[in-house]
Amino acid sequence: MAARLTMRSGPLALAVLAAAVLVAACGADGDTPSLPADGPAVPTPAVSSGSGPAAVRAREALDSALGRAGLAVTPSAIPYRPAEGGALATATRTVYQVTLPTETEPRFVVAYTFATDAAADTAARDQAAYLESGPGRVQSPLGTEHVLRRLGAAVIYYQWLPASTTDPAAIDLAGALRTLGIAFDVRN
């Protein structure tokens, strides 16, 4: 005979019922619930190894600009996601890392690729608007500088916090990236 629970039954009885439902949802063997087989509802961007004309051009430009500054750029094996607006969050991207001479943790530069220059231009504008918005601003500490550039059908993005930088080469990194393509200013 099932007991009838009402608000008068008390909070403890409702908590016990909620826990029982949760345990039952996990299955008899105690496994935790998982996402449906078709994956999450939010699109997950592809992480590229840098193939395709826009990605190759972006990598060559990064190598050249950072090489002139005495810095080496390599594809990153470390997962990294900067603050991203909708257009960049769903784009194919390649994450690069740059290790500065006196810092142990690498800096990350992300190159996003698009089908056309116009699509990259729209995505860069969307990213600048996102970073200036309330939700975008809370993604980065106060004083963060954003280097946002469009190079053909690629968008190159780097964010850094000058106040927390101990290596003068960090200024060189940002400066070298600012020589690439077309700038999209982000007002803090």
Protein backbone atom coordinates (compact mmCIF):
# COMPACT_ATOMS: atom_id res chain seq x y z
CA MET A 1 0.00 0.00 0.00
CA ALA A 2 1.53 3.29 -1.16
CA ALA A 3 1.64 6.19 1.20
CA ARG A 4 0.24 9.47 -0.04
CA LEU A 5 2.73 12.31 0.33
CA THR A 6 1.53 15.86 0.54
CA MET A 7 3.11 19.08 1.67
CA ARG A 8 1.70 18.25 5.10
CA SER A 9 3.75 15.04 5.13
CA GLY A 10 6.81 17.13 5.80
CA PRO A 11 9.98 18.11 4.02
CA LEU A 12 11.84 14.98 5.14
CA ALA A 13 9.32 12.68 3.44
CA LEU A 14 9.56 14.71 0.21
CA ALA A 15 13.38 14.61 0.34
CA VAL A 16 13.32 10.82 0.77
CA LEU A 17 10.97 10.50 -2.21
CA ALA A 18 13.21 12.74 -4.34
CA ALA A 19 16.28 10.68 -3.42
CA ALA A 20 14.45 7.44 -4.29
CA VAL A 21 13.49 8.81 -7.69
CA LEU A 22 17.09 9.88 -8.33
CA VAL A 23 18.48 6.47 -7.36
CA ALA A 24 15.91 4.74 -9.56
CA ALA A 25 16.90 6.96 -12.49
CA CYS A 26 20.49 5.81 -12.13
CA GLY A 27 19.55 2.20 -12.69
CA ALA A 28 19.72 -0.87 -10.53
CA ASP A 29 23.51 -1.21 -10.86
CA GLY A 30 24.17 2.33 -9.57
CA ASP A 31 25.43 3.73 -12.90
CA THR A 32 25.06 7.44 -13.32
CA PRO A 33 22.72 8.67 -16.02
CA SER A 34 24.40 9.62 -19.29
CA LEU A 35 23.61 11.84 -22.24
CA PRO A 36 21.52 10.38 -25.04
CA ALA A 37 23.47 8.51 -27.72
CA ASP A 38 23.05 11.39 -30.16
CA GLY A 39 25.15 13.67 -27.90
CA PRO A 40 24.60 17.05 -26.30
CA ALA A 41 22.06 19.52 -27.61
CA VAL A 42 24.68 22.28 -27.97
CA PRO A 43 26.86 21.97 -31.09
CA THR A 44 30.45 21.10 -30.29
CA PRO A 45 33.03 22.74 -32.56
CA ALA A 46 35.57 20.63 -34.35
CA VAL A 47 39.11 20.96 -33.08
CA SER A 48 41.26 20.96 -36.18
CA SER A 49 44.83 19.97 -36.73
CA GLY A 50 45.17 23.02 -38.97
CA SER A 51 44.18 21.71 -42.39
CA GLY A 52 42.34 23.65 -45.07
CA PRO A 53 43.48 26.82 -46.83
CA ALA A 54 42.36 29.27 -44.11
CA ALA A 55 43.94 27.19 -41.34
CA VAL A 56 47.21 26.77 -43.25
CA ARG A 57 47.37 30.51 -43.99
CA ALA A 58 46.69 31.32 -40.30
CA ARG A 59 49.43 28.92 -39.14
CA GLU A 60 51.94 30.36 -41.61
CA ALA A 61 51.09 33.92 -40.51
CA LEU A 62 51.43 32.96 -36.82
CA ASP A 63 54.79 31.27 -37.45
CA SER A 64 56.06 34.30 -39.36
CA ALA A 65 54.83 37.02 -36.97
CA LEU A 66 55.80 35.22 -33.78
CA GLY A 67 59.10 34.07 -35.29
CA ARG A 68 60.04 37.71 -35.93
CA ALA A 69 59.36 38.34 -32.22
CA GLY A 70 61.61 35.41 -31.26
CA LEU A 71 58.67 33.22 -30.16
CA ALA A 72 57.77 29.72 -31.29
CA VAL A 73 54.20 28.58 -31.82
CA THR A 74 53.15 24.94 -31.71
CA PRO A 75 49.81 23.13 -31.91
CA SER A 76 48.53 22.64 -28.37
CA ALA A 77 47.87 19.26 -26.82
CA ILE A 78 46.32 21.04 -23.83
CA PRO A 79 42.55 21.63 -24.06
CA TYR A 80 41.77 25.34 -24.03
CA ARG A 81 38.62 27.44 -24.57
CA PRO A 82 38.72 31.23 -24.29
CA ALA A 83 35.64 33.36 -23.81
CA GLU A 84 33.71 32.86 -27.06
CA GLY A 85 30.59 34.33 -28.60
CA GLY A 86 28.19 32.11 -30.51
CA ALA A 87 29.90 32.32 -33.91
CA LEU A 88 33.31 31.31 -32.58
CA ALA A 89 31.93 28.72 -30.16
CA THR A 90 30.61 26.64 -33.06
CA ALA A 91 33.48 27.20 -35.52
CA THR A 92 36.28 24.82 -36.40
CA ARG A 93 39.29 25.89 -34.39
CA THR A 94 42.96 25.15 -33.92
CA VAL A 95 44.56 25.91 -30.56
CA TYR A 96 48.22 26.95 -30.54
CA GLN A 97 50.50 27.49 -27.60
CA VAL A 98 53.39 29.84 -27.10
CA THR A 99 55.73 29.39 -24.15
CA LEU A 100 57.40 32.60 -23.05
CA PRO A 101 61.04 32.47 -21.91
CA THR A 102 60.44 32.99 -18.17
CA GLU A 103 56.95 31.51 -17.77
CA THR A 104 56.22 27.83 -17.25
CA GLU A 105 52.60 27.89 -18.39
CA PRO A 106 51.98 28.34 -22.12
CA ARG A 107 49.92 31.16 -23.62
CA PHE A 108 47.16 30.13 -26.02
CA VAL A 109 46.25 31.57 -29.40
CA VAL A 110 43.18 30.20 -31.19
CA ALA A 111 42.61 30.27 -34.94
CA TYR A 112 38.99 29.77 -36.03
CA THR A 113 38.31 28.96 -39.66
CA PHE A 114 35.29 29.75 -41.80
CA ALA A 115 34.13 29.02 -45.34
CA THR A 116 34.54 32.61 -46.53
CA ASP A 117 36.19 35.89 -45.63
CA ALA A 118 32.72 37.39 -45.11
CA ALA A 119 31.76 34.66 -42.63
CA ALA A 120 35.00 35.25 -40.71
CA ASP A 121 34.34 39.00 -40.72
CA THR A 122 30.84 38.45 -39.30
CA ALA A 123 32.24 36.07 -36.64
CA ALA A 124 34.92 38.57 -35.60
CA ARG A 125 32.31 41.32 -35.24
CA ASP A 126 30.13 38.94 -33.22
CA GLN A 127 33.07 38.11 -30.95
CA ALA A 128 33.92 41.77 -30.34
CA ALA A 129 30.28 42.51 -29.49
CA TYR A 130 30.14 39.47 -27.18
CA LEU A 131 33.32 40.48 -25.32
CA GLU A 132 31.91 43.98 -24.78
CA SER A 133 28.60 42.62 -23.47
CA GLY A 134 27.85 41.79 -19.84
CA PRO A 135 28.09 38.01 -20.32
CA GLY A 136 31.32 38.41 -22.27
CA ARG A 137 32.91 40.77 -19.75
CA VAL A 138 32.47 38.36 -16.84
CA GLN A 139 34.40 35.69 -18.75
CA SER A 140 37.70 37.53 -18.25
CA PRO A 141 39.32 39.31 -15.28
CA LEU A 142 39.19 43.10 -15.19
CA GLY A 143 42.03 44.50 -17.32
CA THR A 144 42.15 41.63 -19.80
CA GLU A 145 43.29 42.69 -23.25
CA HIS A 146 41.84 41.00 -26.31
CA VAL A 147 43.69 40.64 -29.60
CA LEU A 148 41.06 39.83 -32.21
CA ARG A 149 42.14 39.71 -35.86
CA ARG A 150 40.64 38.51 -39.13
CA LEU A 151 43.08 37.03 -41.59
CA GLY A 152 41.19 35.98 -44.72
CA ALA A 153 38.70 33.29 -43.74
CA ALA A 154 40.26 32.87 -40.28
CA VAL A 155 39.76 34.69 -36.99
CA ILE A 156 42.72 34.76 -34.63
CA TYR A 157 42.02 35.39 -30.95
CA TYR A 158 44.31 35.87 -27.98
CA GLN A 159 43.44 37.21 -24.52
CA TRP A 160 45.92 38.19 -21.85
CA LEU A 161 46.11 40.04 -18.57
CA PRO A 162 49.01 42.54 -18.60
CA ALA A 163 48.84 43.03 -14.81
CA SER A 164 49.66 39.37 -14.18
CA THR A 165 52.48 39.13 -16.70
CA THR A 166 56.01 38.61 -15.44
CA ASP A 167 57.67 38.05 -18.81
CA PRO A 168 58.28 41.08 -21.06
CA ALA A 169 57.88 38.74 -24.05
CA ALA A 170 54.12 38.76 -23.35
CA ILE A 171 54.02 42.29 -24.78
CA ASP A 172 55.93 41.03 -27.83
CA LEU A 173 53.41 38.21 -28.29
CA ALA A 174 50.45 40.57 -28.28
CA GLY A 175 52.31 43.05 -30.49
CA ALA A 176 53.22 40.38 -33.04
CA LEU A 177 49.61 39.19 -33.25
CA ARG A 178 48.46 42.78 -33.79
CA THR A 179 50.43 42.85 -37.07
CA LEU A 180 48.18 40.19 -38.60
CA GLY A 181 45.17 40.88 -40.79
CA ILE A 182 42.39 43.25 -39.84
CA ALA A 183 41.83 44.40 -36.24
CA PHE A 184 38.54 44.21 -34.36
CA ASP A 185 38.83 46.40 -31.31
CA VAL A 186 37.27 45.30 -28.04
CA ARG A 187 36.46 48.14 -25.63
CA ASN A 188 36.84 47.14 -22.00
